[in-house]
Amino acid sequence: MTREYYSLPEVAALLGISRIAVFKRVKKGQLEALRIGRNWAVPAAALTAASAATARPPAAVPSASPAVPPAPVVKQRDSGPAAAADSEMDSMGWD
């Protein structure tokens, strides 16, 4: 037995989007729905059309040349008292 109508929370669960997103689509006219008192009912036919519209094709893989990682930056140290202090800090685990 198939259903003719679905509530907005049911449509949200079926489409994998939030209830508010479904309500916004109804308000914009992107999703057909009937108002019954305070509730909305979405026809099953409109739901199949909406699920096809939300399905996205897989992302295309760019056909660019392979990326070359940047060369590492080598920091040159001076010799002298500052270098001695830096090496002392390095041995203690300070940055």
Protein backbone atom coordinates (compact mmCIF):
# COMPACT_ATOMS: atom_id res chain seq x y z
CA MET A 1 0.00 0.00 0.00
CA THR A 2 1.55 3.29 -1.09
CA ARG A 3 0.84 6.62 0.50
CA GLU A 4 -0.61 9.53 -1.40
CA TYR A 5 0.63 12.31 0.93
CA TYR A 6 3.56 12.90 3.29
CA SER A 7 4.01 15.44 6.08
CA LEU A 8 6.89 17.94 5.99
CA PRO A 9 8.95 16.09 8.64
CA GLU A 10 8.52 12.85 6.68
CA VAL A 11 9.59 14.57 3.46
CA ALA A 12 12.61 16.01 5.25
CA ALA A 13 13.65 12.56 6.44
CA LEU A 14 13.17 11.04 2.98
CA LEU A 15 15.12 13.80 1.21
CA GLY A 16 17.82 13.98 3.87
CA ILE A 17 17.35 17.71 4.52
CA SER A 18 15.95 19.68 7.43
CA ARG A 19 12.27 20.30 8.04
CA ILE A 20 12.87 24.04 7.68
CA ALA A 21 14.53 23.51 4.28
CA VAL A 22 11.45 21.59 3.12
CA PHE A 23 9.18 24.39 4.37
CA LYS A 24 11.28 26.98 2.51
CA ARG A 25 10.99 24.97 -0.72
CA VAL A 26 7.21 24.83 -0.27
CA LYS A 27 7.05 28.61 0.32
CA LYS A 28 9.21 29.32 -2.75
CA GLY A 29 7.06 27.04 -4.90
CA GLN A 30 9.86 24.57 -5.55
CA LEU A 31 7.90 21.77 -3.88
CA GLU A 32 4.18 21.24 -4.36
CA ALA A 33 2.21 20.96 -1.12
CA LEU A 34 -1.33 21.33 0.17
CA ARG A 35 -2.22 23.22 3.34
CA ILE A 36 -4.65 21.38 5.60
CA GLY A 37 -5.35 23.58 8.60
CA ARG A 38 -1.97 24.20 10.22
CA ASN A 39 -0.34 21.21 8.51
CA TRP A 40 1.15 20.69 5.07
CA ALA A 41 0.75 17.59 2.91
CA VAL A 42 3.15 16.83 0.06
CA PRO A 43 1.83 14.59 -2.73
CA ALA A 44 3.91 11.49 -3.43
CA ALA A 45 4.28 12.54 -7.08
CA ALA A 46 5.81 15.85 -6.03
CA LEU A 47 8.14 14.00 -3.68
CA THR A 48 9.57 11.82 -6.47
CA ALA A 49 10.19 14.94 -8.60
CA ALA A 50 11.86 16.70 -5.66
CA SER A 51 14.10 13.73 -4.86
CA ALA A 52 15.29 13.68 -8.48
CA ALA A 53 16.03 17.41 -8.29
CA THR A 54 18.06 17.10 -5.08
CA ALA A 55 20.22 14.29 -6.43
CA ARG A 56 23.53 15.77 -7.53
CA PRO A 57 25.91 14.26 -10.06
CA PRO A 58 29.28 13.17 -8.69
CA ALA A 59 31.95 15.85 -8.62
CA ALA A 60 34.14 15.92 -11.70
CA VAL A 61 37.82 15.22 -11.21
CA PRO A 62 39.93 18.03 -12.70
CA SER A 63 42.26 16.89 -15.43
CA ALA A 64 45.12 19.16 -14.44
CA SER A 65 48.70 18.08 -14.14
CA PRO A 66 49.67 16.48 -10.82
CA ALA A 67 50.36 19.00 -8.11
CA VAL A 68 53.95 19.42 -7.04
CA PRO A 69 54.35 20.06 -3.31
CA PRO A 70 56.24 23.24 -2.45
CA ALA A 71 59.86 22.94 -1.44
CA PRO A 72 60.42 22.99 2.32
CA VAL A 73 61.67 26.22 3.80
CA VAL A 74 65.06 25.83 5.43
CA LYS A 75 65.77 28.29 8.18
CA GLN A 76 69.39 29.47 8.37
CA ARG A 77 70.80 29.93 11.86
CA ASP A 78 73.36 32.49 12.77
CA SER A 79 76.35 31.59 14.83
CA GLY A 80 76.98 33.44 18.05
CA PRO A 81 75.27 33.92 21.41
CA ALA A 82 71.75 34.02 19.96
CA ALA A 83 72.33 30.71 18.18
CA ALA A 84 73.58 29.16 21.43
CA ALA A 85 70.45 30.33 23.22
CA ASP A 86 68.27 28.92 20.42
CA SER A 87 69.98 25.53 20.58
CA GLU A 88 69.57 25.52 24.35
CA MET A 89 65.82 26.24 23.97
CA ASP A 90 65.54 23.54 21.31
CA SER A 91 67.05 20.96 23.63
CA MET A 92 64.45 21.86 26.30
CA GLY A 93 61.58 21.33 23.88
CA TRP A 94 60.62 24.98 23.52
CA ASP A 95 59.56 26.35 20.17
